[in-house]
Amino acid sequence: MTPTPGPATTAPNSRDALALAADIRSGDTDPAEVLEEAVRRIERLDPGLNAVVSTRVDAARAEVAAGLPDGPLRGVPIVIKNLGTDVAGQPATDGSRLFADVVATVDSAVVRRYKAAGMVVLGTTNVPEMGKTTTTESLLYGPCRNPWDTSRSTGGSSGGSAAAVASGMVPVAHATDGGGSIRIPAAMCGLVGLKPSRGRVPAWPHPDALSSPLSYHHALTTTVRDSAALLDVVAGHRPGDSYGAPTPSRPFLDEVGADPGRLCVGMLRVAPGPFPTDAACTAAVDHTAALLAGLGHDVHEVELDVDVLEGMSAVGAIMGAQLRATIDARLAALGRDLDDDDIEPWTRVILDNAMTHSAPDVARALQTATRTGWRVAELFGPDGVDVLMLPTLPSTTPELGYLDPTDPEAMWTRSSAFSVCTSMFNLSGQPAISLPLAADDRGLPVGVQLVADYAREDVLLRLSGQLEAAAPWATVAPGYEGW
């Protein structure tokens, strides 16, 4: 199958976040007008997409009127993923009925850094319950719909953020990734989704001791340079953090447009492990391999000596233990036991499974995670590849309901496949990015994933910028308006 290349930008005057910030800085555009336009777009588009679950319009207007900090993204609107990330005064539900009445009291570190950069936080986005599925279809908020085809999933768990950006409600959105939750929605919604290196972005005030080796904060964007600019804004060790990535030698934004040199790119044409790979996903990798070869890079197939099922089982055990701790703490605060309708059936299965794990079981899962990370990282280094390329997903975008959290039996057989290409890099801690470089025969985006060695976001950004220049993609879904 020959893939359809990602379509070129359909709105010639469309601006990414950096271009919008430049127009604001020059005085050509007013921050108050940008805010009101974002509000109008959310009011007009969200009823059909269900991407934004809470807004803070009055607070945002007051912040703009008072004068925004003179940061690099002053006046750019952004929405925040409603999962493990707090916006003071906004619901902090994690997509769960058990937390439906919880309201955040402080801004998370990433939110504070967005605001310090002059960004305008407009609200929070739809998520699956506690981020435990690769689609965004919670019982609390209902399904989030893909702007490319509203009968299709947005992916998860950053599905609401993806839909908000792909429809042009906002130029960029915050996202998190515990097993692919930035890259999976990016692939399904035609966006750039970078999972940074472990320790690059702080998670404060949520310690999440068990999930912190696996979970990462960053964003969903329409361009590579926006991803780099936002990473410059939020990156940096917070004193007391369990992990900290090395400080880069220069801003990440400086890497976009820089010559990557001749790179050795190892290619996996199909998903690792026992999961079948759709022809469109393999064709997208082949298409990108041809692009890379045409740009002068050395591309060849490699083998990945990793037991992906063992690694995914470790992720499940670690995340399950964290889920159990979260639910136990909530029930203790409420002073009651868990009711049948507190959590969704799929979440209950994960919780029940976690209840069977002992402390040594969790310790062994953490050890498996470390060993898996070591094996993945062996591909890289002086005698290995500079970049690994593989499908972001083994399957094209499913219809809503295919990954149904109220049908645990179906979830057991279907859900794992959607993170098989992504979760191993949560274990290894390496940076990985999904780019919308192709489309399937329905015209829906197909993502290709690039992975670099630990702390080498610079390599990914240089190469991704080169690919974007060679094969530009749409800034928003067809029928929607860019900025």
Protein backbone atom coordinates (compact mmCIF):
# COMPACT_ATOMS: atom_id res chain seq x y z
CA MET A 1 0.00 0.00 0.00
CA THR A 2 1.29 3.45 -0.87
CA PRO A 3 0.48 6.00 1.84
CA THR A 4 -0.97 9.38 1.15
CA PRO A 5 1.60 11.98 2.23
CA GLY A 6 0.48 14.34 4.95
CA PRO A 7 -1.31 17.22 3.20
CA ALA A 8 0.42 20.56 2.97
CA THR A 9 -0.89 23.38 5.10
CA THR A 10 -4.40 24.17 3.92
CA ALA A 11 -4.61 27.69 5.38
CA PRO A 12 -1.78 29.81 3.91
CA ASN A 13 -2.25 32.53 6.53
CA SER A 14 -2.46 30.10 9.45
CA ARG A 15 -0.17 30.98 12.34
CA ASP A 16 1.36 28.64 14.86
CA ALA A 17 1.82 29.76 18.46
CA LEU A 18 5.19 31.37 17.79
CA ALA A 19 3.87 33.35 14.82
CA LEU A 20 0.87 34.44 16.88
CA ALA A 21 3.17 35.55 19.71
CA ALA A 22 5.32 37.48 17.22
CA ASP A 23 2.26 39.34 15.91
CA ILE A 24 1.24 40.18 19.46
CA ARG A 25 4.74 41.38 20.30
CA SER A 26 4.83 43.62 17.22
CA GLY A 27 1.46 45.14 18.07
CA ASP A 28 -0.26 43.76 14.98
CA THR A 29 -2.49 41.60 17.15
CA ASP A 30 -4.00 42.36 20.55
CA PRO A 31 -3.95 39.71 23.32
CA ALA A 32 -7.52 40.54 24.30
CA GLU A 33 -8.72 39.95 20.74
CA VAL A 34 -6.87 36.63 20.61
CA LEU A 35 -8.49 35.57 23.86
CA GLU A 36 -11.98 36.46 22.65
CA GLU A 37 -11.39 34.60 19.38
CA ALA A 38 -10.34 31.48 21.31
CA VAL A 39 -13.46 31.79 23.48
CA ARG A 40 -15.66 32.09 20.38
CA ARG A 41 -14.04 29.04 18.83
CA ILE A 42 -14.54 26.93 21.94
CA GLU A 43 -18.17 28.00 22.20
CA ARG A 44 -18.78 27.25 18.52
CA LEU A 45 -16.79 24.04 18.07
CA ASP A 46 -16.77 22.26 21.39
CA PRO A 47 -20.42 21.15 21.39
CA GLY A 48 -19.59 18.90 18.43
CA LEU A 49 -16.23 17.67 19.75
CA ASN A 50 -16.44 17.62 23.56
CA ALA A 51 -12.78 18.51 24.00
CA VAL A 52 -12.94 21.19 26.71
CA VAL A 53 -14.53 20.26 30.05
CA SER A 54 -14.04 23.48 32.04
CA THR A 55 -13.16 27.09 31.28
CA ARG A 56 -11.89 30.11 33.23
CA VAL A 57 -12.83 32.86 30.81
CA ASP A 58 -13.40 35.61 33.37
CA ALA A 59 -10.10 34.87 35.10
CA ALA A 60 -8.30 34.83 31.75
CA ARG A 61 -9.85 38.17 30.80
CA ALA A 62 -8.75 39.66 34.11
CA GLU A 63 -5.18 38.40 33.59
CA VAL A 64 -5.03 39.90 30.10
CA ALA A 65 -6.48 43.21 31.31
CA ALA A 66 -3.95 43.39 34.16
CA GLY A 67 -1.05 42.86 31.77
CA LEU A 68 0.57 39.55 30.93
CA PRO A 69 4.19 38.72 31.73
CA ASP A 70 6.52 39.68 28.91
CA GLY A 71 7.45 36.11 28.06
CA PRO A 72 8.20 34.41 24.74
CA LEU A 73 4.57 33.29 24.24
CA ARG A 74 2.75 36.29 25.62
CA GLY A 75 -0.93 36.26 24.74
CA VAL A 76 -1.03 32.72 23.30
CA PRO A 77 -4.06 30.77 24.61
CA ILE A 78 -3.57 27.24 25.93
CA VAL A 79 -5.73 24.57 27.57
CA ILE A 80 -4.52 22.10 30.20
CA LYS A 81 -5.10 18.37 30.36
CA ASN A 82 -7.44 17.53 33.26
CA LEU A 83 -5.29 14.68 34.60
CA GLY A 84 -2.62 15.01 37.25
CA THR A 85 -2.20 18.68 36.39
CA ASP A 86 -3.84 21.44 38.42
CA VAL A 87 -5.25 24.80 37.43
CA ALA A 88 -6.28 26.64 40.57
CA GLY A 89 -10.06 27.05 40.78
CA GLN A 90 -10.74 24.48 38.07
CA PRO A 91 -12.13 20.95 38.49
CA ALA A 92 -9.43 18.33 39.12
CA THR A 93 -11.48 15.24 38.32
CA ASP A 94 -9.02 13.03 36.42
CA GLY A 95 -12.06 12.15 34.30
CA SER A 96 -13.60 10.14 37.16
CA ARG A 97 -16.92 10.33 38.93
CA LEU A 98 -15.07 9.51 42.15
CA PHE A 99 -13.33 12.90 41.91
CA ALA A 100 -16.15 14.85 40.27
CA ASP A 101 -16.38 17.48 43.03
CA VAL A 102 -12.62 18.06 43.49
CA VAL A 103 -11.38 21.57 42.69
CA ALA A 104 -7.68 22.41 42.40
CA THR A 105 -6.27 24.90 44.89
CA VAL A 106 -2.88 25.60 43.27
CA ASP A 107 -1.38 25.74 39.80
CA SER A 108 0.91 22.86 38.85
CA ALA A 109 4.52 23.70 38.02
CA VAL A 110 3.91 23.44 34.28
CA VAL A 111 0.89 25.78 34.52
CA ARG A 112 2.94 28.31 36.49
CA ARG A 113 5.63 28.18 33.83
CA TYR A 114 3.10 28.65 31.01
CA LYS A 115 1.71 31.70 32.79
CA ALA A 116 5.20 33.08 33.44
CA ALA A 117 5.83 32.81 29.68
CA GLY A 118 2.80 35.06 29.15
CA MET A 119 0.40 32.34 28.03
CA VAL A 120 -3.32 32.57 28.76
CA VAL A 121 -4.75 29.44 30.38
CA LEU A 122 -8.34 29.08 29.18
CA GLY A 123 -9.47 25.83 30.81
CA THR A 124 -9.03 22.08 30.97
CA THR A 125 -9.56 19.23 28.53
CA ASN A 126 -11.38 15.90 28.37
CA VAL A 127 -9.58 12.74 29.49
CA PRO A 128 -10.45 9.06 30.01
CA GLU A 129 -10.91 8.01 33.62
CA MET A 130 -7.54 8.36 35.38
CA GLY A 131 -5.83 8.04 32.00
CA LYS A 132 -6.24 4.28 31.85
CA THR A 133 -7.29 3.91 28.22
CA THR A 134 -5.95 4.91 24.83
CA THR A 135 -9.22 6.58 23.91
CA THR A 136 -11.06 9.50 25.50
CA GLU A 137 -14.55 8.19 26.29
CA SER A 138 -15.21 8.58 30.02
CA LEU A 139 -18.61 8.14 31.65
CA LEU A 140 -18.12 11.42 33.50
CA TYR A 141 -17.60 13.62 30.43
CA GLY A 142 -18.63 11.48 27.46
CA PRO A 143 -16.66 10.76 24.29
CA CYS A 144 -14.29 13.27 22.73
CA ARG A 145 -14.64 13.36 18.94
CA ASN A 146 -11.88 13.53 16.37
CA PRO A 147 -12.02 16.68 14.20
CA TRP A 148 -10.85 14.64 11.20
CA ASP A 149 -13.88 12.35 11.52
CA THR A 150 -16.26 12.83 14.43
CA SER A 151 -17.18 9.15 14.43
CA ARG A 152 -13.57 8.34 15.34
CA SER A 153 -11.53 8.34 18.53
CA THR A 154 -9.08 11.09 19.41
CA GLY A 155 -6.87 8.61 21.21
CA GLY A 156 -5.97 8.93 24.84
CA SER A 157 -5.31 9.93 27.35
CA SER A 158 -4.63 13.44 25.97
CA GLY A 159 -7.56 13.19 23.57
CA GLY A 160 -9.28 16.41 24.60
CA SER A 161 -6.09 18.40 24.17
CA ALA A 162 -5.55 16.86 20.73
CA ALA A 163 -9.07 17.69 19.55
CA ALA A 164 -8.76 21.26 20.81
CA VAL A 165 -5.60 21.84 18.76
CA ALA A 166 -6.61 19.86 15.65
CA SER A 167 -9.86 21.86 15.43
CA GLY A 168 -8.11 25.21 15.91
CA MET A 169 -9.78 26.08 19.22
CA VAL A 170 -6.31 26.89 20.55
CA PRO A 171 -2.90 26.81 18.86
CA VAL A 172 -1.34 24.48 21.46
CA ALA A 173 -2.42 22.37 24.43
CA HIS A 174 -0.78 20.76 27.42
CA ALA A 175 -0.62 16.93 27.46
CA THR A 176 0.89 14.07 29.45
CA ASP A 177 2.23 10.66 28.46
CA GLY A 178 2.29 7.55 30.65
CA GLY A 179 2.48 4.94 27.89
CA GLY A 180 1.87 6.90 24.71
CA SER A 181 -0.73 9.44 25.81
CA ILE A 182 0.88 12.35 23.94
CA ARG A 183 1.98 10.42 20.86
CA ILE A 184 -1.18 8.32 20.36
CA PRO A 185 -3.56 11.34 20.14
CA ALA A 186 -0.99 13.14 17.99
CA ALA A 187 -1.04 10.25 15.53
CA MET A 188 -4.84 10.03 15.45
CA CYS A 189 -5.40 13.80 15.16
CA GLY A 190 -2.61 14.82 12.81
CA LEU A 191 -0.42 16.68 15.31
CA VAL A 192 3.14 16.89 16.58
CA GLY A 193 3.46 15.05 19.88
CA LEU A 194 6.79 14.99 21.72
CA LYS A 195 7.32 12.93 24.87
CA PRO A 196 10.43 14.44 26.47
CA SER A 197 13.16 12.63 28.36
CA ARG A 198 12.57 11.41 31.89
CA GLY A 199 13.06 14.25 34.36
CA ARG A 200 12.88 16.98 31.73
CA VAL A 201 9.61 18.54 33.01
CA PRO A 202 8.52 18.57 36.68
CA ALA A 203 5.23 17.01 37.86
CA TRP A 204 4.80 19.09 41.05
CA PRO A 205 2.53 19.09 43.10
CA HIS A 206 1.67 15.45 42.31
CA PRO A 207 4.49 13.22 43.57
CA ASP A 208 3.16 10.00 41.96
CA ALA A 209 6.26 8.17 43.20
CA LEU A 210 5.48 4.98 41.32
CA SER A 211 4.30 6.49 38.07
CA SER A 212 6.94 9.23 37.86
CA PRO A 213 9.41 6.95 36.06
CA LEU A 214 6.76 6.43 33.37
CA SER A 215 4.75 9.67 33.12
CA TYR A 216 5.84 12.80 31.28
CA HIS A 217 4.46 16.33 30.77
CA HIS A 218 4.61 18.30 27.54
CA ALA A 219 2.23 19.38 24.78
CA LEU A 220 0.42 18.81 21.50
CA THR A 221 1.20 21.28 18.73
CA THR A 222 0.78 21.83 15.00
CA THR A 223 4.47 22.54 14.31
CA VAL A 224 7.80 21.22 15.47
CA ARG A 225 9.03 24.66 16.46
CA ASP A 226 6.01 25.22 18.74
CA SER A 227 6.85 21.96 20.50
CA ALA A 228 10.43 23.12 20.97
CA ALA A 229 9.39 26.56 22.22
CA LEU A 230 6.96 25.09 24.75
CA LEU A 231 9.62 22.67 25.96
CA ASP A 232 11.93 25.64 26.57
CA VAL A 233 9.17 27.18 28.68
CA VAL A 234 8.46 24.17 30.93
CA ALA A 235 11.75 22.26 31.05
CA GLY A 236 13.99 22.41 34.07
CA HIS A 237 14.56 20.50 37.29
CA ARG A 238 12.53 21.56 40.31
CA PRO A 239 14.43 21.17 43.60
CA GLY A 240 13.43 17.91 45.23
CA ASP A 241 12.38 16.18 42.00
CA SER A 242 13.20 12.46 41.88
CA TYR A 243 14.63 12.80 38.37
CA GLY A 244 16.35 15.54 36.41
CA ALA A 245 17.44 15.52 32.78
CA PRO A 246 20.73 17.21 31.83
CA THR A 247 20.44 20.91 31.02
CA PRO A 248 20.68 21.43 27.25
CA SER A 249 23.57 23.46 25.86
CA ARG A 250 21.21 25.86 24.09
CA PRO A 251 17.44 26.46 23.74
CA PHE A 252 15.47 23.65 22.14
CA LEU A 253 14.00 26.16 19.70
CA ASP A 254 17.49 26.74 18.28
CA GLU A 255 17.57 23.10 17.18
CA VAL A 256 14.63 23.47 14.78
CA GLY A 257 16.12 24.38 11.42
CA ALA A 258 19.62 23.37 12.47
CA ASP A 259 21.37 20.85 10.23
CA PRO A 260 21.01 17.38 11.79
CA GLY A 261 23.95 16.06 9.79
CA ARG A 262 23.93 12.59 8.32
CA LEU A 263 22.14 10.37 10.82
CA CYS A 264 21.96 6.62 11.18
CA VAL A 265 18.25 5.79 11.38
CA GLY A 266 17.19 2.31 12.45
CA MET A 267 13.77 1.28 11.17
CA LEU A 268 11.08 -1.02 12.52
CA ARG A 269 8.51 -1.41 9.75
CA VAL A 270 6.00 -3.20 11.98
CA ALA A 271 5.06 -3.08 15.63
CA PRO A 272 7.21 -5.15 17.98
CA GLY A 273 5.71 -8.21 19.61
CA PRO A 274 2.69 -10.27 18.56
CA PHE A 275 0.43 -7.46 17.45
CA PRO A 276 -0.43 -7.16 13.73
CA THR A 277 0.37 -3.92 11.95
CA ASP A 278 -1.99 -2.27 9.48
CA ALA A 279 -0.60 -1.83 5.98
CA ALA A 280 -1.13 1.94 6.20
CA CYS A 281 1.08 2.16 9.29
CA THR A 282 3.90 0.18 7.69
CA ALA A 283 3.52 2.19 4.49
CA ALA A 284 3.86 5.41 6.50
CA VAL A 285 7.22 4.20 7.84
CA ASP A 286 8.36 3.23 4.35
CA HIS A 287 7.28 6.62 3.03
CA THR A 288 9.25 8.38 5.76
CA ALA A 289 12.27 6.14 5.16
CA ALA A 290 12.30 7.29 1.54
CA LEU A 291 12.09 10.92 2.68
CA LEU A 292 14.97 10.41 5.08
CA ALA A 293 17.10 8.67 2.49
CA GLY A 294 16.41 11.52 0.08
CA LEU A 295 17.62 13.94 2.74
CA GLY A 296 20.92 12.07 2.96
CA HIS A 297 20.40 9.90 6.02
CA ASP A 298 21.43 6.25 6.35
CA VAL A 299 18.25 4.22 6.89
CA HIS A 300 18.24 0.49 7.55
CA GLU A 301 16.08 -2.06 9.31
CA VAL A 302 16.98 -3.12 12.84
CA GLU A 303 15.75 -5.63 15.39
CA LEU A 304 14.55 -4.71 18.87
CA ASP A 305 15.50 -7.33 21.44
CA VAL A 306 12.73 -6.50 23.89
CA ASP A 307 9.93 -8.61 25.35
CA VAL A 308 7.22 -6.02 24.80
CA LEU A 309 4.56 -8.03 26.63
CA GLU A 310 6.78 -8.25 29.70
CA GLY A 311 7.39 -4.53 29.53
CA MET A 312 3.72 -3.72 29.12
CA SER A 313 2.90 -5.98 32.06
CA ALA A 314 5.40 -4.04 34.16
CA VAL A 315 3.78 -0.76 33.13
CA GLY A 316 0.40 -2.17 34.15
CA ALA A 317 1.64 -3.28 37.55
CA ILE A 318 3.34 0.03 38.29
CA MET A 319 0.41 2.12 37.14
CA GLY A 320 -2.03 -0.21 38.89
CA ALA A 321 -0.25 0.29 42.19
CA GLN A 322 -0.43 4.05 41.72
CA LEU A 323 -4.14 3.80 40.86
CA ARG A 324 -4.78 1.80 44.02
CA ALA A 325 -2.96 4.39 46.14
CA THR A 326 -4.91 7.22 44.52
CA ILE A 327 -8.29 5.57 45.05
CA ASP A 328 -7.43 4.53 48.62
CA ALA A 329 -6.48 8.10 49.49
CA ARG A 330 -9.69 9.47 48.00
CA LEU A 331 -11.88 6.98 49.86
CA ALA A 332 -10.06 7.74 53.11
CA ALA A 333 -10.76 11.44 52.60
CA LEU A 334 -14.44 10.67 51.94
CA GLY A 335 -14.61 8.28 54.88
CA ARG A 336 -16.33 5.48 52.98
CA ASP A 337 -15.84 2.38 50.85
CA LEU A 338 -15.84 2.23 47.07
CA ASP A 339 -19.32 2.23 45.52
CA ASP A 340 -20.13 0.33 42.34
CA ASP A 341 -20.69 3.50 40.32
CA ASP A 342 -17.60 5.37 41.59
CA ILE A 343 -15.35 4.10 38.82
CA GLU A 344 -15.82 2.60 35.37
CA PRO A 345 -15.77 -1.17 34.75
CA TRP A 346 -12.37 -1.10 33.04
CA THR A 347 -10.85 0.94 35.86
CA ARG A 348 -12.34 -1.53 38.33
CA VAL A 349 -10.63 -4.42 36.53
CA ILE A 350 -7.29 -2.60 36.75
CA LEU A 351 -7.89 -1.87 40.44
CA ASP A 352 -8.92 -5.46 41.23
CA ASN A 353 -5.80 -6.70 39.46
CA ALA A 354 -3.66 -4.28 41.46
CA MET A 355 -5.19 -5.61 44.67
CA THR A 356 -3.61 -9.01 43.92
CA HIS A 357 -0.10 -7.53 43.68
CA SER A 358 2.23 -7.64 46.67
CA ALA A 359 5.01 -5.16 47.39
CA PRO A 360 7.57 -7.60 45.92
CA ASP A 361 5.41 -7.85 42.78
CA VAL A 362 5.61 -4.09 42.31
CA ALA A 363 9.35 -4.12 43.04
CA ARG A 364 9.83 -6.78 40.37
CA ALA A 365 7.79 -4.70 37.92
CA LEU A 366 10.06 -1.72 38.56
CA GLN A 367 13.08 -3.97 38.00
CA THR A 368 11.55 -5.23 34.74
CA ALA A 369 10.99 -1.62 33.69
CA THR A 370 14.64 -0.85 34.27
CA ARG A 371 15.85 -3.91 32.40
CA THR A 372 13.52 -3.14 29.50
CA GLY A 373 14.86 0.39 29.39
CA TRP A 374 18.42 -0.90 29.26
CA ARG A 375 17.63 -3.22 26.37
CA VAL A 376 15.90 -0.49 24.38
CA ALA A 377 18.78 1.91 24.98
CA GLU A 378 21.30 -0.63 23.66
CA LEU A 379 20.17 0.27 20.13
CA PHE A 380 21.66 3.74 20.56
CA GLY A 381 25.07 5.19 21.23
CA PRO A 382 28.42 5.32 19.36
CA ASP A 383 28.04 1.86 17.85
CA GLY A 384 24.28 2.01 17.36
CA VAL A 385 21.70 4.20 15.70
CA ASP A 386 21.16 7.92 16.21
CA VAL A 387 17.40 7.63 15.76
CA LEU A 388 14.92 4.76 15.80
CA MET A 389 11.88 5.03 13.51
CA LEU A 390 8.72 2.95 13.83
CA PRO A 391 4.94 3.34 13.59
CA THR A 392 3.38 5.41 16.35
CA LEU A 393 0.43 3.03 16.24
CA PRO A 394 0.08 -0.47 14.78
CA SER A 395 -3.50 0.36 13.76
CA THR A 396 -5.24 3.29 12.15
CA THR A 397 -7.71 5.41 14.10
CA PRO A 398 -10.61 3.31 15.48
CA GLU A 399 -14.24 4.26 15.69
CA LEU A 400 -15.62 5.53 18.97
CA GLY A 401 -16.80 2.57 21.02
CA TYR A 402 -14.14 0.18 19.79
CA LEU A 403 -12.19 0.83 22.99
CA ASP A 404 -15.14 0.82 25.39
CA PRO A 405 -14.24 1.27 29.09
CA THR A 406 -17.60 -0.25 30.05
CA ASP A 407 -16.66 -3.51 28.24
CA PRO A 408 -13.61 -4.95 30.07
CA GLU A 409 -13.53 -8.11 27.98
CA ALA A 410 -13.16 -6.12 24.78
CA MET A 411 -10.61 -3.83 26.42
CA TRP A 412 -8.43 -6.79 27.44
CA THR A 413 -8.20 -7.95 23.83
CA ARG A 414 -7.96 -4.55 22.14
CA SER A 415 -6.37 -1.89 24.32
CA SER A 416 -2.79 -3.15 24.60
CA ALA A 417 -2.17 -3.00 20.87
CA PHE A 418 -2.57 0.77 20.81
CA SER A 419 0.40 1.37 23.12
CA VAL A 420 2.75 -1.39 21.99
CA CYS A 421 4.85 1.01 19.90
CA THR A 422 5.00 3.75 22.50
CA SER A 423 5.12 2.39 26.06
CA MET A 424 8.63 0.93 25.86
CA PHE A 425 10.06 4.45 25.59
CA ASN A 426 8.25 5.45 28.76
CA LEU A 427 10.20 2.61 30.37
CA SER A 428 13.52 3.65 28.81
CA GLY A 429 13.05 7.36 29.54
CA GLN A 430 14.07 8.36 26.03
CA PRO A 431 12.52 11.24 24.07
CA ALA A 432 10.09 10.17 21.33
CA ILE A 433 8.03 12.20 18.90
CA SER A 434 5.09 11.40 16.61
CA LEU A 435 4.85 13.32 13.35
CA PRO A 436 1.81 13.37 11.00
CA LEU A 437 3.72 12.32 7.90
CA ALA A 438 1.10 10.22 6.11
CA ALA A 439 -2.60 9.40 5.86
CA ASP A 440 -4.63 6.24 5.38
CA ASP A 441 -7.04 5.51 2.52
CA ARG A 442 -9.82 7.39 4.37
CA GLY A 443 -7.66 10.50 4.57
CA LEU A 444 -7.12 10.15 8.33
CA PRO A 445 -3.66 10.99 9.71
CA VAL A 446 -1.09 8.28 10.32
CA GLY A 447 1.77 9.05 12.68
CA VAL A 448 5.40 8.01 12.42
CA GLN A 449 7.45 7.88 15.61
CA LEU A 450 11.08 8.92 15.98
CA VAL A 451 13.10 8.07 19.10
CA ALA A 452 16.52 9.34 20.19
CA ASP A 453 18.92 8.48 22.98
CA TYR A 454 18.25 9.81 26.47
CA ALA A 455 18.33 13.62 26.73
CA ARG A 456 18.80 14.00 22.97
CA GLU A 457 15.68 16.00 22.20
CA ASP A 458 18.04 18.15 20.15
CA VAL A 459 18.53 15.34 17.64
CA LEU A 460 14.78 14.70 17.38
CA LEU A 461 13.96 18.38 16.91
CA ARG A 462 16.57 18.88 14.20
CA LEU A 463 15.42 15.83 12.27
CA SER A 464 11.72 16.53 12.80
CA GLY A 465 12.18 20.10 11.61
CA GLN A 466 13.95 18.83 8.51
CA LEU A 467 11.10 16.42 7.77
CA GLU A 468 8.48 19.12 8.33
CA ALA A 469 10.22 21.39 5.83
CA ALA A 470 10.45 18.56 3.29
CA ALA A 471 6.89 17.28 3.70
CA PRO A 472 4.67 19.86 5.47
CA TRP A 473 1.37 18.76 6.96
CA ALA A 474 -2.01 20.37 7.62
CA THR A 475 -2.11 22.70 10.60
CA VAL A 476 -5.72 21.77 11.45
CA ALA A 477 -8.22 19.14 10.36
CA PRO A 478 -10.08 19.75 7.07
CA GLY A 479 -13.00 22.13 7.49
CA TYR A 480 -11.48 23.93 10.48
CA GLU A 481 -9.71 27.28 10.68
CA GLY A 482 -6.10 27.79 11.70
CA TRP A 483 -4.85 30.83 13.55
